[in-house]
Amino acid sequence: MTLRGALQWLFVALIFGFLAKIGSDDLDSGLWGYLLPVATVLAAVFGLTALHEGGHLLAALALRLKVVAVQVRFTGHSFVQVGPSPAERALPVRFVLLHLAGPAVDFAMAFGLFRYASASMTPLLRGCVLAAGLTAAVLCLGNVLPHRGRAGVRSDGAQILQWVFHPERQRASLAAAAEQAATFLRTW
């Protein structure tokens, strides 16, 4: 992780921690009341990233898509790579479901954490749970909105739109990737 990336996550954690503190109505808990929600946001990012990719992995297995690679990185691009044949039936529907699975896990975690935070608990604990729920909600939204990251990687939302509106282009891309992998293996 670059220094810039670390500072961005710290800034986000500070904002979410403060919002959670306001949401839990705990403005007089001292320094720990500010630091624990911030630490919770940073920890939640790690756990939610693994759960998000786990959702993609379970969907790939349930949809009987061949899983080629899984990478969970907390400082870079995480992914579940599948390698189906471009000629397989219902491929656009299966890929849309695959790309919806990660954000669905984020949404479920946000909903569950917000629901749990409404239970009777100390204001400090409620602030931490709200901070984790807010983190899950923002990760869900950030994955569903169509965009490209700095490395040119498309979000789940962008992938879904590609499979809905340009399925033949996506199939051609799969075929090209399979051919490139086969060429690499022949020359290696």
N, C-alpha and C. Protein backbone atom coordinates (compact mmCIF):
# COMPACT_ATOMS: atom_id res chain seq x y z
N MET A 1 0.86 -1.17 0.00
CA MET A 1 0.00 0.00 0.00
C MET A 1 0.90 1.22 0.00
N THR A 2 0.51 2.17 -0.80
CA THR A 2 1.29 3.41 -0.86
C THR A 2 0.91 4.29 0.33
N LEU A 3 1.75 5.27 0.58
CA LEU A 3 1.46 6.23 1.66
C LEU A 3 0.16 6.96 1.36
N ARG A 4 -0.05 7.30 0.10
CA ARG A 4 -1.28 7.99 -0.28
C ARG A 4 -2.50 7.13 0.01
N GLY A 5 -2.44 5.85 -0.34
CA GLY A 5 -3.55 4.93 -0.08
C GLY A 5 -3.81 4.78 1.41
N ALA A 6 -2.74 4.68 2.20
CA ALA A 6 -2.90 4.55 3.65
C ALA A 6 -3.53 5.81 4.24
N LEU A 7 -3.12 6.96 3.76
CA LEU A 7 -3.70 8.21 4.26
C LEU A 7 -5.17 8.34 3.86
N GLN A 8 -5.51 7.88 2.67
CA GLN A 8 -6.92 7.92 2.25
C GLN A 8 -7.78 7.04 3.15
N TRP A 9 -7.31 5.81 3.45
CA TRP A 9 -8.08 4.94 4.34
C TRP A 9 -8.17 5.51 5.74
N LEU A 10 -7.11 6.13 6.22
CA LEU A 10 -7.14 6.74 7.54
C LEU A 10 -8.14 7.89 7.57
N PHE A 11 -8.17 8.70 6.52
CA PHE A 11 -9.12 9.81 6.43
C PHE A 11 -10.56 9.29 6.44
N VAL A 12 -10.82 8.25 5.65
CA VAL A 12 -12.15 7.64 5.62
C VAL A 12 -12.52 7.09 6.99
N ALA A 13 -11.57 6.43 7.64
CA ALA A 13 -11.83 5.85 8.96
C ALA A 13 -12.14 6.94 9.98
N LEU A 14 -11.44 8.06 9.92
CA LEU A 14 -11.71 9.17 10.83
C LEU A 14 -13.12 9.73 10.62
N ILE A 15 -13.50 9.90 9.37
CA ILE A 15 -14.84 10.44 9.08
C ILE A 15 -15.92 9.45 9.53
N PHE A 16 -15.78 8.18 9.17
CA PHE A 16 -16.78 7.18 9.57
C PHE A 16 -16.84 7.03 11.09
N GLY A 17 -15.67 7.06 11.73
CA GLY A 17 -15.65 6.97 13.19
C GLY A 17 -16.39 8.13 13.83
N PHE A 18 -16.20 9.32 13.29
CA PHE A 18 -16.88 10.50 13.83
C PHE A 18 -18.39 10.41 13.57
N LEU A 19 -18.78 9.98 12.36
CA LEU A 19 -20.20 9.84 12.06
C LEU A 19 -20.86 8.79 12.96
N ALA A 20 -20.15 7.70 13.21
CA ALA A 20 -20.68 6.66 14.09
C ALA A 20 -20.82 7.19 15.51
N LYS A 21 -19.88 8.00 15.92
CA LYS A 21 -19.93 8.59 17.26
C LYS A 21 -21.15 9.49 17.40
N ILE A 22 -21.43 10.28 16.37
CA ILE A 22 -22.61 11.14 16.38
C ILE A 22 -23.88 10.28 16.35
N GLY A 23 -23.87 9.23 15.51
CA GLY A 23 -25.03 8.34 15.39
C GLY A 23 -25.35 7.60 16.66
N SER A 24 -24.34 7.31 17.46
CA SER A 24 -24.59 6.60 18.72
C SER A 24 -24.85 7.56 19.87
N ASP A 25 -24.83 8.86 19.59
CA ASP A 25 -25.09 9.89 20.60
C ASP A 25 -24.12 9.75 21.78
N ASP A 26 -22.83 9.59 21.44
CA ASP A 26 -21.80 9.37 22.46
C ASP A 26 -20.69 10.40 22.27
N LEU A 27 -21.00 11.66 22.50
CA LEU A 27 -20.04 12.72 22.25
C LEU A 27 -19.13 13.01 23.43
N ASP A 28 -19.35 12.38 24.56
CA ASP A 28 -18.54 12.68 25.73
C ASP A 28 -17.77 11.47 26.27
N SER A 29 -17.40 10.52 25.42
CA SER A 29 -16.71 9.32 25.88
C SER A 29 -15.20 9.43 25.87
N GLY A 30 -14.66 10.56 25.52
CA GLY A 30 -13.22 10.75 25.56
C GLY A 30 -12.51 10.23 24.33
N LEU A 31 -11.18 10.10 24.48
CA LEU A 31 -10.33 9.70 23.36
C LEU A 31 -10.67 8.31 22.83
N TRP A 32 -10.95 7.34 23.72
CA TRP A 32 -11.29 6.00 23.28
C TRP A 32 -12.57 5.99 22.46
N GLY A 33 -13.47 6.89 22.77
CA GLY A 33 -14.71 6.99 22.02
C GLY A 33 -14.50 7.40 20.58
N TYR A 34 -13.36 8.03 20.29
CA TYR A 34 -13.02 8.39 18.92
C TYR A 34 -12.12 7.33 18.26
N LEU A 35 -11.18 6.79 19.03
CA LEU A 35 -10.22 5.86 18.46
C LEU A 35 -10.80 4.48 18.15
N LEU A 36 -11.68 3.97 19.00
CA LEU A 36 -12.22 2.63 18.77
C LEU A 36 -13.08 2.55 17.50
N PRO A 37 -13.98 3.50 17.24
CA PRO A 37 -14.70 3.42 15.96
C PRO A 37 -13.78 3.54 14.73
N VAL A 38 -12.73 4.35 14.84
CA VAL A 38 -11.78 4.47 13.73
C VAL A 38 -11.06 3.13 13.52
N ALA A 39 -10.62 2.51 14.60
CA ALA A 39 -9.97 1.20 14.50
C ALA A 39 -10.95 0.15 13.97
N THR A 40 -12.21 0.28 14.35
CA THR A 40 -13.24 -0.65 13.86
C THR A 40 -13.39 -0.53 12.35
N VAL A 41 -13.39 0.67 11.83
CA VAL A 41 -13.51 0.87 10.37
C VAL A 41 -12.34 0.21 9.66
N LEU A 42 -11.14 0.43 10.16
CA LEU A 42 -9.96 -0.17 9.51
C LEU A 42 -10.02 -1.69 9.56
N ALA A 43 -10.44 -2.25 10.69
CA ALA A 43 -10.56 -3.71 10.81
C ALA A 43 -11.70 -4.22 9.93
N ALA A 44 -12.79 -3.47 9.87
CA ALA A 44 -13.95 -3.89 9.07
C ALA A 44 -13.59 -3.98 7.59
N VAL A 45 -12.76 -3.09 7.11
CA VAL A 45 -12.37 -3.12 5.69
C VAL A 45 -11.71 -4.46 5.37
N PHE A 46 -10.85 -4.93 6.26
CA PHE A 46 -10.18 -6.21 6.01
C PHE A 46 -11.18 -7.36 6.01
N GLY A 47 -12.02 -7.42 7.02
CA GLY A 47 -13.00 -8.50 7.10
C GLY A 47 -14.02 -8.44 5.98
N LEU A 48 -14.48 -7.26 5.65
CA LEU A 48 -15.50 -7.12 4.60
C LEU A 48 -14.93 -7.44 3.22
N THR A 49 -13.66 -7.14 3.00
CA THR A 49 -13.03 -7.49 1.72
C THR A 49 -13.02 -9.01 1.55
N ALA A 50 -12.64 -9.73 2.59
CA ALA A 50 -12.62 -11.19 2.52
C ALA A 50 -14.04 -11.74 2.32
N LEU A 51 -15.02 -11.20 3.03
CA LEU A 51 -16.40 -11.67 2.89
C LEU A 51 -16.95 -11.35 1.49
N HIS A 52 -16.62 -10.18 0.96
CA HIS A 52 -17.06 -9.79 -0.39
C HIS A 52 -16.55 -10.80 -1.42
N GLU A 53 -15.27 -11.09 -1.37
CA GLU A 53 -14.70 -12.04 -2.34
C GLU A 53 -15.22 -13.45 -2.07
N GLY A 54 -15.49 -13.77 -0.81
CA GLY A 54 -16.11 -15.06 -0.49
C GLY A 54 -17.48 -15.19 -1.13
N GLY A 55 -18.23 -14.08 -1.18
CA GLY A 55 -19.53 -14.09 -1.86
C GLY A 55 -19.39 -14.39 -3.34
N HIS A 56 -18.39 -13.78 -3.98
CA HIS A 56 -18.13 -14.08 -5.39
C HIS A 56 -17.74 -15.56 -5.57
N LEU A 57 -16.89 -16.06 -4.68
CA LEU A 57 -16.44 -17.44 -4.78
C LEU A 57 -17.59 -18.42 -4.62
N LEU A 58 -18.44 -18.21 -3.61
CA LEU A 58 -19.59 -19.10 -3.42
C LEU A 58 -20.54 -19.04 -4.62
N ALA A 59 -20.73 -17.85 -5.16
CA ALA A 59 -21.59 -17.72 -6.34
C ALA A 59 -20.99 -18.47 -7.53
N ALA A 60 -19.68 -18.34 -7.73
CA ALA A 60 -19.03 -19.04 -8.84
C ALA A 60 -19.20 -20.55 -8.70
N LEU A 61 -19.03 -21.04 -7.48
CA LEU A 61 -19.19 -22.48 -7.26
C LEU A 61 -20.63 -22.91 -7.45
N ALA A 62 -21.57 -22.11 -6.95
CA ALA A 62 -23.00 -22.45 -7.10
C ALA A 62 -23.43 -22.39 -8.56
N LEU A 63 -22.86 -21.48 -9.33
CA LEU A 63 -23.21 -21.33 -10.75
C LEU A 63 -22.39 -22.26 -11.65
N ARG A 64 -21.55 -23.08 -11.03
CA ARG A 64 -20.70 -24.05 -11.74
C ARG A 64 -19.80 -23.39 -12.77
N LEU A 65 -19.22 -22.25 -12.36
CA LEU A 65 -18.22 -21.58 -13.17
C LEU A 65 -16.86 -22.06 -12.70
N LYS A 66 -15.99 -22.36 -13.64
CA LYS A 66 -14.65 -22.84 -13.30
C LYS A 66 -13.85 -21.72 -12.65
N VAL A 67 -13.45 -21.91 -11.37
CA VAL A 67 -12.66 -20.91 -10.66
C VAL A 67 -11.19 -21.12 -11.00
N VAL A 68 -10.58 -20.08 -11.54
CA VAL A 68 -9.19 -20.16 -11.96
C VAL A 68 -8.26 -19.63 -10.88
N ALA A 69 -8.64 -18.52 -10.24
CA ALA A 69 -7.79 -17.91 -9.21
C ALA A 69 -8.66 -17.11 -8.25
N VAL A 70 -8.17 -17.04 -7.03
CA VAL A 70 -8.79 -16.20 -6.00
C VAL A 70 -7.67 -15.41 -5.34
N GLN A 71 -7.86 -14.11 -5.25
CA GLN A 71 -6.85 -13.28 -4.60
C GLN A 71 -7.56 -12.29 -3.70
N VAL A 72 -7.23 -12.34 -2.41
CA VAL A 72 -7.76 -11.38 -1.45
C VAL A 72 -6.58 -10.57 -0.95
N ARG A 73 -6.55 -9.31 -1.35
CA ARG A 73 -5.47 -8.41 -0.93
C ARG A 73 -6.12 -7.20 -0.28
N PHE A 74 -5.57 -6.81 0.81
CA PHE A 74 -6.14 -5.68 1.53
C PHE A 74 -5.47 -4.37 1.12
N THR A 75 -4.43 -4.47 0.31
CA THR A 75 -3.74 -3.26 -0.13
C THR A 75 -3.79 -3.10 -1.64
N GLY A 76 -4.56 -3.92 -2.30
CA GLY A 76 -4.62 -3.84 -3.75
C GLY A 76 -5.90 -4.44 -4.27
N HIS A 77 -5.83 -4.95 -5.47
CA HIS A 77 -7.01 -5.47 -6.15
C HIS A 77 -7.27 -6.92 -5.72
N SER A 78 -8.46 -7.16 -5.18
CA SER A 78 -8.90 -8.51 -4.84
C SER A 78 -9.85 -8.99 -5.93
N PHE A 79 -9.85 -10.30 -6.19
CA PHE A 79 -10.73 -10.82 -7.24
C PHE A 79 -10.94 -12.31 -7.10
N VAL A 80 -11.99 -12.78 -7.76
CA VAL A 80 -12.22 -14.19 -8.00
C VAL A 80 -12.28 -14.31 -9.52
N GLN A 81 -11.32 -15.01 -10.08
CA GLN A 81 -11.24 -15.15 -11.54
C GLN A 81 -11.83 -16.48 -11.95
N VAL A 82 -12.73 -16.42 -12.92
CA VAL A 82 -13.33 -17.64 -13.45
C VAL A 82 -12.94 -17.78 -14.91
N GLY A 83 -12.93 -19.01 -15.39
CA GLY A 83 -12.51 -19.26 -16.76
C GLY A 83 -13.46 -20.19 -17.49
N PRO A 84 -14.70 -19.76 -17.69
CA PRO A 84 -15.63 -20.62 -18.43
C PRO A 84 -15.36 -20.56 -19.92
N SER A 85 -15.90 -21.51 -20.62
CA SER A 85 -15.85 -21.48 -22.08
C SER A 85 -16.78 -20.38 -22.56
N PRO A 86 -16.35 -19.57 -23.52
CA PRO A 86 -17.21 -18.50 -24.03
C PRO A 86 -18.50 -19.02 -24.66
N ALA A 87 -18.56 -20.30 -25.02
CA ALA A 87 -19.75 -20.86 -25.67
C ALA A 87 -20.76 -21.42 -24.66
N GLU A 88 -20.46 -21.38 -23.38
CA GLU A 88 -21.39 -21.93 -22.38
C GLU A 88 -22.72 -21.21 -22.43
N ARG A 89 -23.77 -21.96 -22.08
CA ARG A 89 -25.13 -21.41 -22.10
C ARG A 89 -25.35 -20.48 -20.91
N ALA A 90 -26.23 -19.51 -21.10
CA ALA A 90 -26.66 -18.57 -20.05
C ALA A 90 -25.49 -17.86 -19.39
N LEU A 91 -24.42 -17.65 -20.12
CA LEU A 91 -23.24 -17.02 -19.54
C LEU A 91 -23.51 -15.59 -19.05
N PRO A 92 -24.22 -14.75 -19.80
CA PRO A 92 -24.47 -13.40 -19.28
C PRO A 92 -25.22 -13.40 -17.94
N VAL A 93 -26.23 -14.23 -17.81
CA VAL A 93 -27.00 -14.30 -16.57
C VAL A 93 -26.10 -14.79 -15.43
N ARG A 94 -25.29 -15.79 -15.70
CA ARG A 94 -24.41 -16.33 -14.67
C ARG A 94 -23.38 -15.29 -14.22
N PHE A 95 -22.85 -14.53 -15.17
CA PHE A 95 -21.87 -13.51 -14.80
C PHE A 95 -22.50 -12.34 -14.05
N VAL A 96 -23.72 -11.97 -14.41
CA VAL A 96 -24.42 -10.92 -13.66
C VAL A 96 -24.62 -11.38 -12.22
N LEU A 97 -25.06 -12.62 -12.04
CA LEU A 97 -25.24 -13.15 -10.68
C LEU A 97 -23.91 -13.23 -9.93
N LEU A 98 -22.85 -13.61 -10.64
CA LEU A 98 -21.53 -13.67 -10.02
C LEU A 98 -21.10 -12.30 -9.51
N HIS A 99 -21.30 -11.27 -10.33
CA HIS A 99 -20.87 -9.92 -9.95
C HIS A 99 -21.80 -9.28 -8.92
N LEU A 100 -23.03 -9.73 -8.83
CA LEU A 100 -23.94 -9.23 -7.80
C LEU A 100 -23.66 -9.84 -6.43
N ALA A 101 -23.04 -11.00 -6.40
CA ALA A 101 -22.86 -11.73 -5.14
C ALA A 101 -22.00 -10.98 -4.12
N GLY A 102 -20.91 -10.37 -4.54
CA GLY A 102 -20.05 -9.63 -3.61
C GLY A 102 -20.76 -8.45 -2.98
N PRO A 103 -21.36 -7.55 -3.79
CA PRO A 103 -22.11 -6.45 -3.20
C PRO A 103 -23.31 -6.91 -2.36
N ALA A 104 -23.90 -8.06 -2.71
CA ALA A 104 -25.01 -8.57 -1.90
C ALA A 104 -24.53 -8.94 -0.50
N VAL A 105 -23.33 -9.49 -0.41
CA VAL A 105 -22.76 -9.80 0.91
C VAL A 105 -22.49 -8.51 1.67
N ASP A 106 -21.96 -7.49 0.99
CA ASP A 106 -21.73 -6.19 1.64
C ASP A 106 -23.04 -5.61 2.16
N PHE A 107 -24.09 -5.69 1.34
CA PHE A 107 -25.40 -5.16 1.75
C PHE A 107 -25.94 -5.93 2.95
N ALA A 108 -25.83 -7.25 2.92
CA ALA A 108 -26.31 -8.07 4.03
C ALA A 108 -25.56 -7.74 5.32
N MET A 109 -24.26 -7.53 5.21
CA MET A 109 -23.47 -7.18 6.40
C MET A 109 -23.88 -5.80 6.93
N ALA A 110 -24.07 -4.84 6.03
CA ALA A 110 -24.49 -3.51 6.47
C ALA A 110 -25.85 -3.58 7.15
N PHE A 111 -26.79 -4.27 6.52
CA PHE A 111 -28.13 -4.40 7.10
C PHE A 111 -28.07 -5.08 8.47
N GLY A 112 -27.32 -6.17 8.55
CA GLY A 112 -27.21 -6.90 9.82
C GLY A 112 -26.55 -6.06 10.91
N LEU A 113 -25.51 -5.33 10.57
CA LEU A 113 -24.83 -4.51 11.56
C LEU A 113 -25.70 -3.34 12.01
N PHE A 114 -26.41 -2.70 11.09
CA PHE A 114 -27.30 -1.61 11.49
C PHE A 114 -28.45 -2.14 12.35
N ARG A 115 -28.94 -3.31 12.01
CA ARG A 115 -30.02 -3.93 12.79
C ARG A 115 -29.52 -4.29 14.19
N TYR A 116 -28.32 -4.85 14.26
CA TYR A 116 -27.74 -5.22 15.54
C TYR A 116 -27.47 -4.00 16.41
N ALA A 117 -27.09 -2.89 15.79
CA ALA A 117 -26.77 -1.67 16.53
C ALA A 117 -28.01 -1.07 17.19
N SER A 118 -29.18 -1.44 16.75
CA SER A 118 -30.38 -0.89 17.36
C SER A 118 -30.71 -1.58 18.68
N ALA A 119 -30.02 -2.68 18.96
CA ALA A 119 -30.25 -3.39 20.22
C ALA A 119 -29.67 -2.57 21.37
N SER A 120 -30.01 -2.96 22.58
CA SER A 120 -29.53 -2.25 23.76
C SER A 120 -28.05 -2.59 24.00
N MET A 121 -27.19 -1.60 23.83
CA MET A 121 -25.75 -1.78 24.07
C MET A 121 -25.16 -0.45 24.50
N THR A 122 -23.93 -0.50 24.98
CA THR A 122 -23.28 0.74 25.42
C THR A 122 -23.07 1.66 24.23
N PRO A 123 -23.06 2.96 24.46
CA PRO A 123 -22.86 3.89 23.34
C PRO A 123 -21.55 3.66 22.59
N LEU A 124 -20.48 3.31 23.30
CA LEU A 124 -19.20 3.08 22.64
C LEU A 124 -19.27 1.88 21.71
N LEU A 125 -19.86 0.79 22.17
CA LEU A 125 -20.01 -0.41 21.35
C LEU A 125 -20.94 -0.12 20.16
N ARG A 126 -22.02 0.61 20.41
CA ARG A 126 -22.94 0.97 19.34
C ARG A 126 -22.21 1.80 18.27
N GLY A 127 -21.34 2.70 18.70
CA GLY A 127 -20.58 3.50 17.74
C GLY A 127 -19.67 2.64 16.89
N CYS A 128 -19.06 1.63 17.48
CA CYS A 128 -18.20 0.73 16.71
C CYS A 128 -19.01 -0.10 15.71
N VAL A 129 -20.16 -0.60 16.15
CA VAL A 129 -21.00 -1.40 15.25
C VAL A 129 -21.54 -0.53 14.11
N LEU A 130 -21.93 0.70 14.43
CA LEU A 130 -22.40 1.61 13.38
C LEU A 130 -21.29 1.95 12.39
N ALA A 131 -20.06 2.11 12.90
CA ALA A 131 -18.93 2.40 12.01
C ALA A 131 -18.68 1.24 11.06
N ALA A 132 -18.77 0.01 11.56
CA ALA A 132 -18.59 -1.16 10.69
C ALA A 132 -19.74 -1.26 9.69
N GLY A 133 -20.96 -0.98 10.12
CA GLY A 133 -22.11 -1.01 9.21
C GLY A 133 -22.01 0.04 8.12
N LEU A 134 -21.56 1.23 8.50
CA LEU A 134 -21.38 2.30 7.51
C LEU A 134 -20.30 1.92 6.50
N THR A 135 -19.25 1.29 6.98
CA THR A 135 -18.19 0.83 6.08
C THR A 135 -18.73 -0.19 5.09
N ALA A 136 -19.53 -1.14 5.58
CA ALA A 136 -20.11 -2.16 4.69
C ALA A 136 -21.03 -1.52 3.66
N ALA A 137 -21.83 -0.54 4.09
CA ALA A 137 -22.75 0.12 3.17
C ALA A 137 -22.00 0.88 2.08
N VAL A 138 -20.93 1.56 2.46
CA VAL A 138 -20.16 2.33 1.48
C VAL A 138 -19.42 1.38 0.53
N LEU A 139 -18.90 0.27 1.03
CA LEU A 139 -18.25 -0.70 0.15
C LEU A 139 -19.25 -1.29 -0.83
N CYS A 140 -20.47 -1.55 -0.37
CA CYS A 140 -21.53 -2.06 -1.25
C CYS A 140 -21.81 -1.05 -2.36
N LEU A 141 -22.02 0.18 -1.98
CA LEU A 141 -22.32 1.22 -2.95
C LEU A 141 -21.15 1.43 -3.92
N GLY A 142 -19.94 1.42 -3.39
CA GLY A 142 -18.77 1.61 -4.24
C GLY A 142 -18.56 0.47 -5.23
N ASN A 143 -19.03 -0.73 -4.88
CA ASN A 143 -18.90 -1.86 -5.79
C ASN A 143 -20.03 -1.93 -6.80
N VAL A 144 -21.20 -1.43 -6.45
CA VAL A 144 -22.35 -1.50 -7.34
C VAL A 144 -22.31 -0.37 -8.38
N LEU A 145 -21.82 0.79 -8.01
CA LEU A 145 -21.76 1.90 -8.96
C LEU A 145 -20.74 1.58 -10.06
N PRO A 146 -21.12 1.76 -11.32
CA PRO A 146 -20.19 1.44 -12.40
C PRO A 146 -19.06 2.47 -12.50
N HIS A 147 -17.83 1.99 -12.43
CA HIS A 147 -16.66 2.85 -12.57
C HIS A 147 -15.43 1.99 -12.82
N ARG A 148 -14.35 2.63 -13.18
CA ARG A 148 -13.05 1.97 -13.32
C ARG A 148 -12.13 2.49 -12.24
N GLY A 149 -11.37 1.58 -11.63
CA GLY A 149 -10.40 1.99 -10.63
C GLY A 149 -9.16 2.56 -11.27
N ARG A 150 -8.19 2.95 -10.41
CA ARG A 150 -6.95 3.54 -10.93
C ARG A 150 -6.19 2.60 -11.83
N ALA A 151 -6.26 1.30 -11.54
CA ALA A 151 -5.55 0.32 -12.34
C ALA A 151 -6.34 -0.09 -13.59
N GLY A 152 -7.49 0.55 -13.83
CA GLY A 152 -8.30 0.23 -15.00
C GLY A 152 -9.25 -0.93 -14.78
N VAL A 153 -9.34 -1.42 -13.55
CA VAL A 153 -10.21 -2.55 -13.23
C VAL A 153 -11.64 -2.04 -13.07
N ARG A 154 -12.57 -2.73 -13.71
CA ARG A 154 -13.98 -2.34 -13.63
C ARG A 154 -14.60 -2.81 -12.31
N SER A 155 -15.49 -1.99 -11.78
CA SER A 155 -16.24 -2.37 -10.59
C SER A 155 -17.25 -3.46 -10.95
N ASP A 156 -17.83 -4.08 -9.92
CA ASP A 156 -18.86 -5.09 -10.17
C ASP A 156 -20.02 -4.49 -10.96
N GLY A 157 -20.41 -3.27 -10.64
CA GLY A 157 -21.50 -2.61 -11.36
C GLY A 157 -21.17 -2.41 -12.83
N ALA A 158 -19.94 -2.02 -13.13
CA ALA A 158 -19.53 -1.85 -14.52
C ALA A 158 -19.52 -3.19 -15.25
N GLN A 159 -19.08 -4.23 -14.56
CA GLN A 159 -19.08 -5.57 -15.17
C GLN A 159 -20.50 -6.03 -15.48
N ILE A 160 -21.41 -5.76 -14.55
CA ILE A 160 -22.81 -6.14 -14.76
C ILE A 160 -23.37 -5.44 -15.99
N LEU A 161 -23.11 -4.14 -16.10
CA LEU A 161 -23.61 -3.40 -17.27
C LEU A 161 -23.02 -3.94 -18.57
N GLN A 162 -21.74 -4.31 -18.54
CA GLN A 162 -21.12 -4.86 -19.75
C GLN A 162 -21.80 -6.17 -20.16
N TRP A 163 -22.09 -7.05 -19.18
CA TRP A 163 -22.73 -8.32 -19.50
C TRP A 163 -24.18 -8.13 -19.93
N VAL A 164 -24.86 -7.11 -19.43
CA VAL A 164 -26.26 -6.88 -19.81
C VAL A 164 -26.35 -6.26 -21.20
N PHE A 165 -25.53 -5.25 -21.47
CA PHE A 165 -25.66 -4.51 -22.73
C PHE A 165 -24.72 -4.96 -23.85
N HIS A 166 -23.62 -5.63 -23.51
CA HIS A 166 -22.65 -6.05 -24.52
C HIS A 166 -22.18 -7.48 -24.28
N PRO A 167 -23.09 -8.45 -24.23
CA PRO A 167 -22.67 -9.82 -23.91
C PRO A 167 -21.73 -10.42 -24.96
N GLU A 168 -21.92 -10.09 -26.22
CA GLU A 168 -21.04 -10.66 -27.25
C GLU A 168 -19.62 -10.14 -27.12
N ARG A 169 -19.49 -8.86 -26.76
CA ARG A 169 -18.16 -8.29 -26.54
C ARG A 169 -17.48 -8.99 -25.35
N GLN A 170 -18.25 -9.28 -24.32
CA GLN A 170 -17.70 -9.96 -23.15
C GLN A 170 -17.29 -11.39 -23.49
N ARG A 171 -18.11 -12.08 -24.29
CA ARG A 171 -17.75 -13.43 -24.73
C ARG A 171 -16.45 -13.40 -25.55
N ALA A 172 -16.32 -12.41 -26.42
CA ALA A 172 -15.11 -12.29 -27.24
C ALA A 172 -13.90 -12.03 -26.35
N SER A 173 -14.10 -11.24 -25.31
CA SER A 173 -13.02 -10.97 -24.37
C SER A 173 -12.60 -12.25 -23.64
N LEU A 174 -13.57 -13.07 -23.26
CA LEU A 174 -13.26 -14.36 -22.63
C LEU A 174 -12.48 -15.26 -23.58
N ALA A 175 -12.91 -15.29 -24.84
CA ALA A 175 -12.22 -16.13 -25.83
C ALA A 175 -10.79 -15.66 -26.04
N ALA A 176 -10.58 -14.35 -26.09
CA ALA A 176 -9.23 -13.81 -26.26
C ALA A 176 -8.35 -14.13 -25.06
N ALA A 177 -8.90 -14.04 -23.87
CA ALA A 177 -8.13 -14.36 -22.66
C ALA A 177 -7.76 -15.84 -22.62
N ALA A 178 -8.68 -16.70 -23.05
CA ALA A 178 -8.41 -18.15 -23.08
C ALA A 178 -7.33 -18.46 -24.11
N GLU A 179 -7.38 -17.80 -25.24
CA GLU A 179 -6.36 -18.01 -26.28
C GLU A 179 -4.99 -17.51 -25.82
N GLN A 180 -4.98 -16.38 -25.15
CA GLN A 180 -3.72 -15.84 -24.63
C GLN A 180 -3.12 -16.78 -23.60
N ALA A 181 -3.94 -17.34 -22.72
CA ALA A 181 -3.45 -18.29 -21.73
C ALA A 181 -2.92 -19.55 -22.39
N ALA A 182 -3.63 -20.05 -23.42
CA ALA A 182 -3.17 -21.24 -24.12
C ALA A 182 -1.85 -20.98 -24.83
N THR A 183 -1.70 -19.82 -25.44
CA THR A 183 -0.44 -19.46 -26.11
C THR A 183 0.70 -19.39 -25.11
N PHE A 184 0.44 -18.80 -23.96
CA PHE A 184 1.46 -18.70 -22.92
C PHE A 184 1.91 -20.10 -22.48
N LEU A 185 0.96 -20.99 -22.28
CA LEU A 185 1.31 -22.34 -21.84
C LEU A 185 2.08 -23.11 -22.91
N ARG A 186 1.75 -22.88 -24.19
CA ARG A 186 2.48 -23.57 -25.27
C ARG A 186 3.94 -23.08 -25.37
N THR A 187 4.15 -21.78 -25.15
CA THR A 187 5.49 -21.24 -25.27
C THR A 187 6.32 -21.43 -24.01
N TRP A 188 5.69 -21.71 -22.92
CA TRP A 188 6.40 -21.86 -21.66
C TRP A 188 6.97 -23.21 -21.59
